[in-house]
Amino acid sequence: MEFLNNSKNYSLNRKTYINLRWIAIIGQFIAINTASFLFKYDFSFIKANIIILIGAISNIYLISFYVKNLLSNRTAFNFLIIDILQLTFLLYLTGGILNPFVIFLIIPSVFASLSLEKKTNYILILITLISIISLTFFYENTSLPFPEKSSIDKYYFFAIPISLIIGLFFLNYFAMTFGQEASLRKDA
């Protein structure tokens, strides 16, 4: 049980995290530019690419200036907040909660629950929860093929954030439980 109480033992593999961030950044870049150039949808294309660039710069910073193989709990927390906020702003520019990519918003906190402190996870869950609720009420309208809030049933509209919140709590609980059990088996 000592393992669970010692914050020095909570860490995230730097190389794995960097690779996952590159996959997300490249995916965001392809999706935004495909929607703009290939499908000719009207949205804040330049702002969206600037937000993606901020994610790329933070990943380059992580590669260049952080030399340890494992990210400490605090460092991982800071970069995961950047990931959540970056995706929140990107979703804000591209339709908010109605954007089908909104499901990716819960990934950073679920990813963190496998290897970071409970306190860190709870804060990341709270930030993700605030992001989901914010995206429900605040977003830029686009010409992307998402239905407008006024054209869909309000129960369906509010079912999207409710389902995301349930998924956020369920997956985080599962990941925290699984991560603790795996750590205990490794120590035995």
N, C-alpha and C. Protein backbone atom coordinates (compact mmCIF):
# COMPACT_ATOMS: atom_id res chain seq x y z
N MET A 1 0.81 -1.19 0.00
CA MET A 1 0.00 0.00 0.00
C MET A 1 0.86 1.26 0.00
N GLU A 2 2.11 1.10 0.40
CA GLU A 2 3.05 2.23 0.42
C GLU A 2 3.15 2.85 -0.96
N PHE A 3 3.09 2.01 -2.00
CA PHE A 3 3.23 2.51 -3.36
C PHE A 3 2.18 3.56 -3.69
N LEU A 4 0.95 3.31 -3.25
CA LEU A 4 -0.15 4.21 -3.59
C LEU A 4 -0.05 5.55 -2.87
N ASN A 5 0.67 5.61 -1.79
CA ASN A 5 0.76 6.84 -1.01
C ASN A 5 2.02 7.64 -1.31
N ASN A 6 2.93 7.11 -2.07
CA ASN A 6 4.20 7.78 -2.35
C ASN A 6 4.12 8.47 -3.71
N SER A 7 4.02 9.80 -3.70
CA SER A 7 3.81 10.53 -4.95
C SER A 7 5.00 10.44 -5.89
N LYS A 8 6.17 10.06 -5.40
CA LYS A 8 7.33 9.93 -6.28
C LYS A 8 7.17 8.76 -7.24
N ASN A 9 6.30 7.82 -6.89
CA ASN A 9 6.10 6.64 -7.73
C ASN A 9 5.10 6.86 -8.86
N TYR A 10 4.40 7.98 -8.84
CA TYR A 10 3.44 8.27 -9.89
C TYR A 10 4.16 9.00 -11.02
N SER A 11 4.12 8.41 -12.19
CA SER A 11 4.80 9.04 -13.31
C SER A 11 4.20 8.55 -14.62
N LEU A 12 4.61 9.20 -15.68
CA LEU A 12 4.11 8.91 -17.01
C LEU A 12 5.31 8.76 -17.94
N ASN A 13 5.31 7.75 -18.78
CA ASN A 13 6.41 7.54 -19.70
C ASN A 13 6.44 8.67 -20.73
N ARG A 14 7.54 9.38 -20.78
CA ARG A 14 7.68 10.57 -21.64
C ARG A 14 7.54 10.22 -23.12
N LYS A 15 8.22 9.18 -23.56
CA LYS A 15 8.21 8.83 -24.99
C LYS A 15 6.81 8.42 -25.45
N THR A 16 6.12 7.62 -24.66
CA THR A 16 4.76 7.21 -25.00
C THR A 16 3.84 8.42 -25.09
N TYR A 17 3.96 9.31 -24.10
CA TYR A 17 3.10 10.49 -24.06
C TYR A 17 3.38 11.41 -25.25
N ILE A 18 4.63 11.61 -25.59
CA ILE A 18 4.99 12.44 -26.74
C ILE A 18 4.41 11.86 -28.03
N ASN A 19 4.55 10.55 -28.19
CA ASN A 19 4.01 9.90 -29.40
C ASN A 19 2.49 10.04 -29.48
N LEU A 20 1.80 9.86 -28.36
CA LEU A 20 0.34 10.03 -28.35
C LEU A 20 -0.05 11.47 -28.69
N ARG A 21 0.71 12.43 -28.18
CA ARG A 21 0.42 13.84 -28.48
C ARG A 21 0.64 14.12 -29.97
N TRP A 22 1.71 13.55 -30.59
CA TRP A 22 1.93 13.76 -32.02
C TRP A 22 0.78 13.18 -32.84
N ILE A 23 0.29 12.00 -32.43
CA ILE A 23 -0.84 11.40 -33.14
C ILE A 23 -2.04 12.34 -33.08
N ALA A 24 -2.32 12.90 -31.89
CA ALA A 24 -3.45 13.82 -31.73
C ALA A 24 -3.25 15.09 -32.55
N ILE A 25 -2.06 15.66 -32.51
CA ILE A 25 -1.78 16.91 -33.24
C ILE A 25 -1.91 16.70 -34.75
N ILE A 26 -1.34 15.62 -35.25
CA ILE A 26 -1.43 15.32 -36.69
C ILE A 26 -2.88 15.06 -37.08
N GLY A 27 -3.62 14.32 -36.25
CA GLY A 27 -5.04 14.07 -36.52
C GLY A 27 -5.85 15.35 -36.55
N GLN A 28 -5.59 16.25 -35.60
CA GLN A 28 -6.29 17.54 -35.57
C GLN A 28 -5.96 18.34 -36.83
N PHE A 29 -4.70 18.38 -37.19
CA PHE A 29 -4.26 19.13 -38.37
C PHE A 29 -4.94 18.60 -39.64
N ILE A 30 -4.97 17.29 -39.79
CA ILE A 30 -5.60 16.68 -40.97
C ILE A 30 -7.10 16.98 -40.98
N ALA A 31 -7.76 16.80 -39.84
CA ALA A 31 -9.21 17.02 -39.78
C ALA A 31 -9.57 18.48 -40.09
N ILE A 32 -8.86 19.42 -39.50
CA ILE A 32 -9.17 20.84 -39.70
C ILE A 32 -8.91 21.25 -41.15
N ASN A 33 -7.78 20.85 -41.68
CA ASN A 33 -7.43 21.26 -43.04
C ASN A 33 -8.26 20.54 -44.09
N THR A 34 -8.64 19.29 -43.84
CA THR A 34 -9.52 18.57 -44.76
C THR A 34 -10.89 19.24 -44.80
N ALA A 35 -11.40 19.59 -43.61
CA ALA A 35 -12.72 20.25 -43.56
C ALA A 35 -12.69 21.59 -44.28
N SER A 36 -11.56 22.30 -44.18
CA SER A 36 -11.48 23.63 -44.79
C SER A 36 -11.22 23.57 -46.29
N PHE A 37 -10.20 22.82 -46.69
CA PHE A 37 -9.79 22.83 -48.10
C PHE A 37 -10.56 21.85 -48.97
N LEU A 38 -10.78 20.65 -48.48
CA LEU A 38 -11.43 19.63 -49.30
C LEU A 38 -12.95 19.78 -49.30
N PHE A 39 -13.53 20.00 -48.12
CA PHE A 39 -14.98 20.09 -48.01
C PHE A 39 -15.51 21.52 -48.01
N LYS A 40 -14.60 22.49 -47.97
CA LYS A 40 -14.96 23.92 -48.06
C LYS A 40 -15.92 24.40 -46.97
N TYR A 41 -15.76 23.89 -45.76
CA TYR A 41 -16.59 24.35 -44.65
C TYR A 41 -16.05 25.66 -44.12
N ASP A 42 -16.95 26.49 -43.65
CA ASP A 42 -16.59 27.81 -43.16
C ASP A 42 -16.53 27.80 -41.63
N PHE A 43 -15.35 28.01 -41.08
CA PHE A 43 -15.13 28.14 -39.64
C PHE A 43 -13.82 28.89 -39.45
N SER A 44 -13.45 29.15 -38.22
CA SER A 44 -12.23 29.93 -37.93
C SER A 44 -10.99 29.08 -38.18
N PHE A 45 -10.71 28.89 -39.45
CA PHE A 45 -9.62 28.02 -39.90
C PHE A 45 -8.26 28.45 -39.35
N ILE A 46 -7.95 29.74 -39.42
CA ILE A 46 -6.63 30.22 -38.97
C ILE A 46 -6.49 30.07 -37.46
N LYS A 47 -7.53 30.45 -36.71
CA LYS A 47 -7.49 30.28 -35.25
C LYS A 47 -7.31 28.81 -34.88
N ALA A 48 -8.01 27.92 -35.57
CA ALA A 48 -7.92 26.49 -35.29
C ALA A 48 -6.50 25.99 -35.53
N ASN A 49 -5.87 26.43 -36.61
CA ASN A 49 -4.49 26.00 -36.87
C ASN A 49 -3.51 26.60 -35.87
N ILE A 50 -3.77 27.79 -35.38
CA ILE A 50 -2.92 28.39 -34.34
C ILE A 50 -3.01 27.57 -33.07
N ILE A 51 -4.21 27.12 -32.72
CA ILE A 51 -4.38 26.28 -31.53
C ILE A 51 -3.64 24.96 -31.70
N ILE A 52 -3.69 24.38 -32.87
CA ILE A 52 -2.95 23.14 -33.14
C ILE A 52 -1.44 23.41 -33.05
N LEU A 53 -1.00 24.55 -33.57
CA LEU A 53 0.41 24.93 -33.50
C LEU A 53 0.88 25.05 -32.05
N ILE A 54 0.04 25.58 -31.18
CA ILE A 54 0.39 25.68 -29.76
C ILE A 54 0.62 24.29 -29.18
N GLY A 55 -0.22 23.32 -29.55
CA GLY A 55 -0.01 21.94 -29.12
C GLY A 55 1.30 21.37 -29.63
N ALA A 56 1.63 21.66 -30.89
CA ALA A 56 2.90 21.18 -31.46
C ALA A 56 4.09 21.81 -30.76
N ILE A 57 4.00 23.11 -30.48
CA ILE A 57 5.11 23.80 -29.78
C ILE A 57 5.30 23.23 -28.38
N SER A 58 4.19 22.95 -27.68
CA SER A 58 4.33 22.37 -26.34
C SER A 58 4.95 20.97 -26.41
N ASN A 59 4.66 20.23 -27.47
CA ASN A 59 5.27 18.90 -27.62
C ASN A 59 6.75 19.01 -27.95
N ILE A 60 7.11 19.98 -28.78
CA ILE A 60 8.53 20.21 -29.09
C ILE A 60 9.27 20.61 -27.82
N TYR A 61 8.64 21.44 -27.01
CA TYR A 61 9.24 21.83 -25.72
C TYR A 61 9.47 20.60 -24.86
N LEU A 62 8.49 19.71 -24.81
CA LEU A 62 8.60 18.48 -24.02
C LEU A 62 9.73 17.60 -24.53
N ILE A 63 9.91 17.53 -25.82
CA ILE A 63 10.99 16.74 -26.42
C ILE A 63 12.35 17.37 -26.14
N SER A 64 12.43 18.68 -26.30
CA SER A 64 13.72 19.38 -26.26
C SER A 64 14.24 19.68 -24.86
N PHE A 65 13.35 20.02 -23.95
CA PHE A 65 13.83 20.54 -22.67
C PHE A 65 13.57 19.63 -21.48
N TYR A 66 12.79 18.60 -21.64
CA TYR A 66 12.54 17.68 -20.53
C TYR A 66 13.28 16.40 -20.85
N VAL A 67 14.35 16.13 -20.12
CA VAL A 67 15.24 15.03 -20.49
C VAL A 67 14.97 13.73 -19.75
N LYS A 68 14.24 13.77 -18.67
CA LYS A 68 13.96 12.53 -17.92
C LYS A 68 13.03 11.63 -18.72
N ASN A 69 13.20 10.30 -18.51
CA ASN A 69 12.37 9.33 -19.23
C ASN A 69 10.94 9.28 -18.72
N LEU A 70 10.76 9.62 -17.44
CA LEU A 70 9.43 9.61 -16.85
C LEU A 70 9.02 11.03 -16.49
N LEU A 71 7.80 11.39 -16.84
CA LEU A 71 7.28 12.70 -16.47
C LEU A 71 6.78 12.61 -15.04
N SER A 72 7.15 13.56 -14.23
CA SER A 72 6.64 13.59 -12.86
C SER A 72 5.15 13.86 -12.88
N ASN A 73 4.53 13.61 -11.78
CA ASN A 73 3.09 13.85 -11.66
C ASN A 73 2.75 15.30 -12.02
N ARG A 74 3.53 16.25 -11.51
CA ARG A 74 3.25 17.67 -11.75
C ARG A 74 3.46 18.06 -13.21
N THR A 75 4.54 17.59 -13.81
CA THR A 75 4.81 17.90 -15.22
C THR A 75 3.73 17.30 -16.12
N ALA A 76 3.38 16.04 -15.87
CA ALA A 76 2.33 15.40 -16.66
C ALA A 76 1.00 16.14 -16.50
N PHE A 77 0.71 16.56 -15.27
CA PHE A 77 -0.51 17.33 -15.00
C PHE A 77 -0.55 18.61 -15.83
N ASN A 78 0.56 19.34 -15.86
CA ASN A 78 0.62 20.61 -16.62
C ASN A 78 0.38 20.37 -18.11
N PHE A 79 1.00 19.35 -18.66
CA PHE A 79 0.84 19.09 -20.10
C PHE A 79 -0.55 18.53 -20.41
N LEU A 80 -1.12 17.76 -19.50
CA LEU A 80 -2.48 17.25 -19.72
C LEU A 80 -3.51 18.38 -19.68
N ILE A 81 -3.27 19.38 -18.83
CA ILE A 81 -4.15 20.56 -18.83
C ILE A 81 -4.05 21.27 -20.18
N ILE A 82 -2.83 21.40 -20.70
CA ILE A 82 -2.66 22.01 -22.02
C ILE A 82 -3.46 21.23 -23.06
N ASP A 83 -3.39 19.90 -23.00
CA ASP A 83 -4.12 19.07 -23.96
C ASP A 83 -5.63 19.28 -23.87
N ILE A 84 -6.15 19.31 -22.65
CA ILE A 84 -7.59 19.48 -22.46
C ILE A 84 -8.03 20.86 -22.95
N LEU A 85 -7.29 21.89 -22.58
CA LEU A 85 -7.66 23.25 -22.98
C LEU A 85 -7.50 23.45 -24.49
N GLN A 86 -6.46 22.87 -25.05
CA GLN A 86 -6.26 23.00 -26.50
C GLN A 86 -7.44 22.39 -27.25
N LEU A 87 -7.82 21.19 -26.86
CA LEU A 87 -8.94 20.53 -27.54
C LEU A 87 -10.25 21.26 -27.27
N THR A 88 -10.42 21.80 -26.07
CA THR A 88 -11.63 22.57 -25.76
C THR A 88 -11.75 23.78 -26.68
N PHE A 89 -10.67 24.52 -26.84
CA PHE A 89 -10.71 25.70 -27.72
C PHE A 89 -10.93 25.29 -29.18
N LEU A 90 -10.33 24.20 -29.59
CA LEU A 90 -10.53 23.71 -30.95
C LEU A 90 -11.99 23.32 -31.18
N LEU A 91 -12.58 22.64 -30.21
CA LEU A 91 -13.99 22.26 -30.31
C LEU A 91 -14.90 23.50 -30.25
N TYR A 92 -14.51 24.48 -29.47
CA TYR A 92 -15.27 25.73 -29.40
C TYR A 92 -15.37 26.38 -30.78
N LEU A 93 -14.26 26.35 -31.53
CA LEU A 93 -14.23 26.96 -32.85
C LEU A 93 -14.97 26.14 -33.92
N THR A 94 -15.23 24.87 -33.61
CA THR A 94 -15.79 23.98 -34.64
C THR A 94 -17.10 23.33 -34.22
N GLY A 95 -17.96 24.06 -33.54
CA GLY A 95 -19.30 23.56 -33.28
C GLY A 95 -19.61 23.11 -31.87
N GLY A 96 -18.63 23.12 -30.98
CA GLY A 96 -18.88 22.79 -29.58
C GLY A 96 -19.24 21.34 -29.35
N ILE A 97 -20.23 21.13 -28.50
CA ILE A 97 -20.60 19.79 -28.06
C ILE A 97 -21.15 18.94 -29.19
N LEU A 98 -21.62 19.57 -30.28
CA LEU A 98 -22.17 18.82 -31.41
C LEU A 98 -21.10 18.26 -32.34
N ASN A 99 -19.85 18.68 -32.15
CA ASN A 99 -18.75 18.16 -32.95
C ASN A 99 -18.53 16.70 -32.55
N PRO A 100 -18.54 15.77 -33.51
CA PRO A 100 -18.39 14.35 -33.15
C PRO A 100 -17.04 14.02 -32.53
N PHE A 101 -16.05 14.88 -32.67
CA PHE A 101 -14.75 14.64 -32.07
C PHE A 101 -14.71 15.02 -30.59
N VAL A 102 -15.82 15.46 -30.03
CA VAL A 102 -15.88 15.88 -28.63
C VAL A 102 -15.55 14.70 -27.70
N ILE A 103 -15.75 13.48 -28.15
CA ILE A 103 -15.43 12.30 -27.34
C ILE A 103 -13.95 12.28 -26.93
N PHE A 104 -13.10 12.87 -27.77
CA PHE A 104 -11.66 12.88 -27.46
C PHE A 104 -11.32 13.76 -26.26
N LEU A 105 -12.26 14.56 -25.83
CA LEU A 105 -12.02 15.44 -24.69
C LEU A 105 -11.81 14.67 -23.40
N ILE A 106 -12.38 13.48 -23.29
CA ILE A 106 -12.23 12.73 -22.05
C ILE A 106 -10.94 11.89 -22.00
N ILE A 107 -10.24 11.78 -23.11
CA ILE A 107 -9.06 10.92 -23.16
C ILE A 107 -7.93 11.37 -22.24
N PRO A 108 -7.55 12.65 -22.18
CA PRO A 108 -6.44 13.01 -21.29
C PRO A 108 -6.65 12.63 -19.82
N SER A 109 -7.85 12.84 -19.31
CA SER A 109 -8.07 12.50 -17.90
C SER A 109 -8.10 10.98 -17.68
N VAL A 110 -8.65 10.24 -18.64
CA VAL A 110 -8.65 8.79 -18.53
C VAL A 110 -7.22 8.26 -18.63
N PHE A 111 -6.46 8.81 -19.54
CA PHE A 111 -5.05 8.42 -19.71
C PHE A 111 -4.28 8.67 -18.41
N ALA A 112 -4.53 9.80 -17.77
CA ALA A 112 -3.84 10.15 -16.53
C ALA A 112 -4.23 9.24 -15.38
N SER A 113 -5.48 8.75 -15.38
CA SER A 113 -5.91 7.95 -14.24
C SER A 113 -5.19 6.62 -14.12
N LEU A 114 -4.54 6.19 -15.16
CA LEU A 114 -3.78 4.94 -15.09
C LEU A 114 -2.46 5.10 -14.33
N SER A 115 -1.91 6.31 -14.30
CA SER A 115 -0.56 6.40 -13.75
C SER A 115 -0.27 7.62 -12.87
N LEU A 116 -1.23 8.49 -12.67
CA LEU A 116 -0.97 9.68 -11.86
C LEU A 116 -1.76 9.65 -10.55
N GLU A 117 -1.43 10.56 -9.65
CA GLU A 117 -2.06 10.62 -8.34
C GLU A 117 -3.56 10.86 -8.45
N LYS A 118 -4.29 10.39 -7.43
CA LYS A 118 -5.75 10.59 -7.43
C LYS A 118 -6.11 12.07 -7.42
N LYS A 119 -5.39 12.87 -6.65
CA LYS A 119 -5.68 14.30 -6.59
C LYS A 119 -5.55 14.93 -7.97
N THR A 120 -4.50 14.57 -8.68
CA THR A 120 -4.27 15.05 -10.04
C THR A 120 -5.43 14.64 -10.94
N ASN A 121 -5.85 13.38 -10.83
CA ASN A 121 -6.95 12.89 -11.65
C ASN A 121 -8.25 13.64 -11.36
N TYR A 122 -8.51 13.89 -10.10
CA TYR A 122 -9.74 14.59 -9.75
C TYR A 122 -9.75 16.01 -10.33
N ILE A 123 -8.61 16.67 -10.31
CA ILE A 123 -8.53 18.02 -10.88
C ILE A 123 -8.72 17.97 -12.40
N LEU A 124 -8.09 16.98 -13.05
CA LEU A 124 -8.25 16.83 -14.51
C LEU A 124 -9.70 16.49 -14.87
N ILE A 125 -10.35 15.67 -14.06
CA ILE A 125 -11.76 15.35 -14.28
C ILE A 125 -12.60 16.62 -14.16
N LEU A 126 -12.31 17.43 -13.14
CA LEU A 126 -13.05 18.68 -12.95
C LEU A 126 -12.87 19.63 -14.14
N ILE A 127 -11.64 19.77 -14.62
CA ILE A 127 -11.37 20.64 -15.77
C ILE A 127 -12.10 20.12 -17.01
N THR A 128 -12.08 18.80 -17.20
CA THR A 128 -12.79 18.20 -18.34
C THR A 128 -14.29 18.41 -18.20
N LEU A 129 -14.81 18.27 -17.00
CA LEU A 129 -16.23 18.49 -16.75
C LEU A 129 -16.63 19.92 -17.07
N ILE A 130 -15.83 20.87 -16.63
CA ILE A 130 -16.09 22.28 -16.94
C ILE A 130 -16.03 22.53 -18.45
N SER A 131 -15.08 21.89 -19.12
CA SER A 131 -14.98 22.03 -20.58
C SER A 131 -16.22 21.50 -21.28
N ILE A 132 -16.70 20.33 -20.86
CA ILE A 132 -17.88 19.74 -21.49
C ILE A 132 -19.10 20.64 -21.30
N ILE A 133 -19.28 21.12 -20.08
CA ILE A 133 -20.42 22.00 -19.81
C ILE A 133 -20.29 23.30 -20.59
N SER A 134 -19.09 23.87 -20.65
CA SER A 134 -18.88 25.11 -21.40
C SER A 134 -19.18 24.94 -22.87
N LEU A 135 -18.72 23.82 -23.45
CA LEU A 135 -18.94 23.57 -24.87
C LEU A 135 -20.41 23.32 -25.20
N THR A 136 -21.19 22.98 -24.19
CA THR A 136 -22.62 22.77 -24.39
C THR A 136 -23.32 24.11 -24.66
N PHE A 137 -22.87 25.14 -23.98
CA PHE A 137 -23.55 26.43 -24.07
C PHE A 137 -22.81 27.49 -24.89
N PHE A 138 -21.51 27.32 -25.05
CA PHE A 138 -20.71 28.33 -25.75
C PHE A 138 -19.90 27.67 -26.86
N TYR A 139 -20.12 28.12 -28.08
CA TYR A 139 -19.36 27.63 -29.23
C TYR A 139 -19.64 28.53 -30.41
N GLU A 140 -18.75 28.49 -31.38
CA GLU A 140 -18.96 29.27 -32.60
C GLU A 140 -19.75 28.43 -33.59
N ASN A 141 -20.74 29.05 -34.18
CA ASN A 141 -21.48 28.37 -35.24
C ASN A 141 -20.59 28.26 -36.46
N THR A 142 -20.71 27.16 -37.15
CA THR A 142 -19.90 26.91 -38.33
C THR A 142 -20.80 26.42 -39.47
N SER A 143 -20.21 26.28 -40.62
CA SER A 143 -20.95 25.66 -41.72
C SER A 143 -20.66 24.17 -41.77
N LEU A 144 -19.98 23.66 -40.74
CA LEU A 144 -19.74 22.22 -40.66
C LEU A 144 -21.09 21.52 -40.56
N PRO A 145 -21.18 20.28 -41.01
CA PRO A 145 -22.49 19.63 -41.10
C PRO A 145 -23.04 19.13 -39.76
N PHE A 146 -22.91 19.94 -38.70
CA PHE A 146 -23.50 19.58 -37.42
C PHE A 146 -24.84 20.30 -37.34
N PRO A 147 -25.83 19.65 -36.79
CA PRO A 147 -27.11 20.34 -36.68
C PRO A 147 -27.00 21.52 -35.72
N GLU A 148 -27.78 22.54 -35.98
CA GLU A 148 -27.79 23.68 -35.07
C GLU A 148 -28.60 23.31 -33.83
N LYS A 149 -28.23 23.92 -32.71
CA LYS A 149 -28.90 23.64 -31.45
C LYS A 149 -30.42 23.78 -31.58
N SER A 150 -30.86 24.78 -32.31
CA SER A 150 -32.29 25.03 -32.43
C SER A 150 -33.00 24.01 -33.31
N SER A 151 -32.25 23.28 -34.14
CA SER A 151 -32.90 22.35 -35.07
C SER A 151 -32.95 20.92 -34.56
N ILE A 152 -32.42 20.65 -33.37
CA ILE A 152 -32.49 19.30 -32.82
C ILE A 152 -33.26 19.33 -31.51
N ASP A 153 -33.77 18.20 -31.15
CA ASP A 153 -34.52 18.07 -29.91
C ASP A 153 -33.64 18.42 -28.73
N LYS A 154 -34.15 19.21 -27.78
CA LYS A 154 -33.32 19.65 -26.66
C LYS A 154 -32.90 18.48 -25.78
N TYR A 155 -33.71 17.42 -25.73
CA TYR A 155 -33.32 16.25 -24.94
C TYR A 155 -32.10 15.57 -25.56
N TYR A 156 -32.11 15.47 -26.87
CA TYR A 156 -30.95 14.88 -27.55
C TYR A 156 -29.73 15.78 -27.38
N PHE A 157 -29.93 17.08 -27.51
CA PHE A 157 -28.81 18.02 -27.38
C PHE A 157 -28.15 17.89 -26.01
N PHE A 158 -28.94 17.83 -24.96
CA PHE A 158 -28.38 17.72 -23.62
C PHE A 158 -27.96 16.29 -23.27
N ALA A 159 -28.41 15.32 -24.05
CA ALA A 159 -27.97 13.94 -23.83
C ALA A 159 -26.50 13.76 -24.18
N ILE A 160 -26.01 14.54 -25.12
CA ILE A 160 -24.61 14.43 -25.53
C ILE A 160 -23.68 14.76 -24.36
N PRO A 161 -23.78 15.93 -23.72
CA PRO A 161 -22.89 16.19 -22.59
C PRO A 161 -23.13 15.25 -21.41
N ILE A 162 -24.37 14.86 -21.19
CA ILE A 162 -24.65 13.94 -20.08
C ILE A 162 -23.95 12.61 -20.32
N SER A 163 -24.02 12.10 -21.54
CA SER A 163 -23.36 10.83 -21.85
C SER A 163 -21.84 10.97 -21.74
N LEU A 164 -21.30 12.11 -22.15
CA LEU A 164 -19.86 12.33 -22.01
C LEU A 164 -19.44 12.37 -20.54
N ILE A 165 -20.25 13.00 -19.72
CA ILE A 165 -19.93 13.09 -18.29
C ILE A 165 -20.00 11.71 -17.64
N ILE A 166 -21.01 10.92 -17.98
CA ILE A 166 -21.11 9.56 -17.45
C ILE A 166 -19.90 8.75 -17.91
N GLY A 167 -19.55 8.85 -19.19
CA GLY A 167 -18.37 8.15 -19.70
C GLY A 167 -17.10 8.60 -19.02
N LEU A 168 -16.97 9.90 -18.77
CA LEU A 168 -15.80 10.45 -18.08
C LEU A 168 -15.64 9.82 -16.71
N PHE A 169 -16.71 9.80 -15.93
CA PHE A 169 -16.62 9.23 -14.58
C PHE A 169 -16.42 7.73 -14.60
N PHE A 170 -17.15 7.03 -15.48
CA PHE A 170 -17.03 5.58 -15.55
C PHE A 170 -15.62 5.15 -15.97
N LEU A 171 -15.12 5.74 -17.05
CA LEU A 171 -13.80 5.35 -17.55
C LEU A 171 -12.69 5.73 -16.58
N ASN A 172 -12.81 6.88 -15.92
CA ASN A 172 -11.81 7.26 -14.94
C ASN A 172 -11.83 6.32 -13.74
N TYR A 173 -13.01 5.96 -13.28
CA TYR A 173 -13.10 5.02 -12.16
C TYR A 173 -12.47 3.69 -12.55
N PHE A 174 -12.82 3.20 -13.74
CA PHE A 174 -12.27 1.93 -14.22
C PHE A 174 -10.75 2.01 -14.35
N ALA A 175 -10.24 3.09 -14.93
CA ALA A 175 -8.80 3.22 -15.15
C ALA A 175 -8.05 3.35 -13.82
N MET A 176 -8.60 4.12 -12.87
CA MET A 176 -7.94 4.25 -11.56
C MET A 176 -7.91 2.91 -10.84
N THR A 177 -9.02 2.19 -10.88
CA THR A 177 -9.08 0.88 -10.22
C THR A 177 -8.13 -0.10 -10.89
N PHE A 178 -8.13 -0.14 -12.19
CA PHE A 178 -7.25 -1.04 -12.94
C PHE A 178 -5.78 -0.68 -12.69
N GLY A 179 -5.45 0.62 -12.69
CA GLY A 179 -4.08 1.07 -12.46
C GLY A 179 -3.58 0.70 -11.08
N GLN A 180 -4.43 0.82 -10.07
CA GLN A 180 -4.04 0.45 -8.70
C GLN A 180 -3.84 -1.03 -8.58
N GLU A 181 -4.75 -1.82 -9.15
CA GLU A 181 -4.62 -3.26 -9.09
C GLU A 181 -3.38 -3.75 -9.81
N ALA A 182 -3.06 -3.17 -10.95
CA ALA A 182 -1.85 -3.54 -11.70
C ALA A 182 -0.61 -3.21 -10.90
N SER A 183 -0.61 -2.07 -10.21
CA SER A 183 0.53 -1.66 -9.40
C SER A 183 0.73 -2.59 -8.22
N LEU A 184 -0.37 -2.99 -7.61
CA LEU A 184 -0.28 -3.92 -6.48
C LEU A 184 0.23 -5.28 -6.93
N ARG A 185 -0.22 -5.75 -8.10
CA ARG A 185 0.28 -7.03 -8.62
C ARG A 185 1.75 -6.95 -8.96
N LYS A 186 2.20 -5.82 -9.48
CA LYS A 186 3.61 -5.65 -9.82
C LYS A 186 4.49 -5.65 -8.57
N ASP A 187 3.97 -5.07 -7.47
CA ASP A 187 4.73 -5.02 -6.23
C ASP A 187 4.78 -6.36 -5.51
N ALA A 188 3.80 -7.25 -5.78
CA ALA A 188 3.72 -8.53 -5.05
C ALA A 188 4.74 -9.52 -5.53
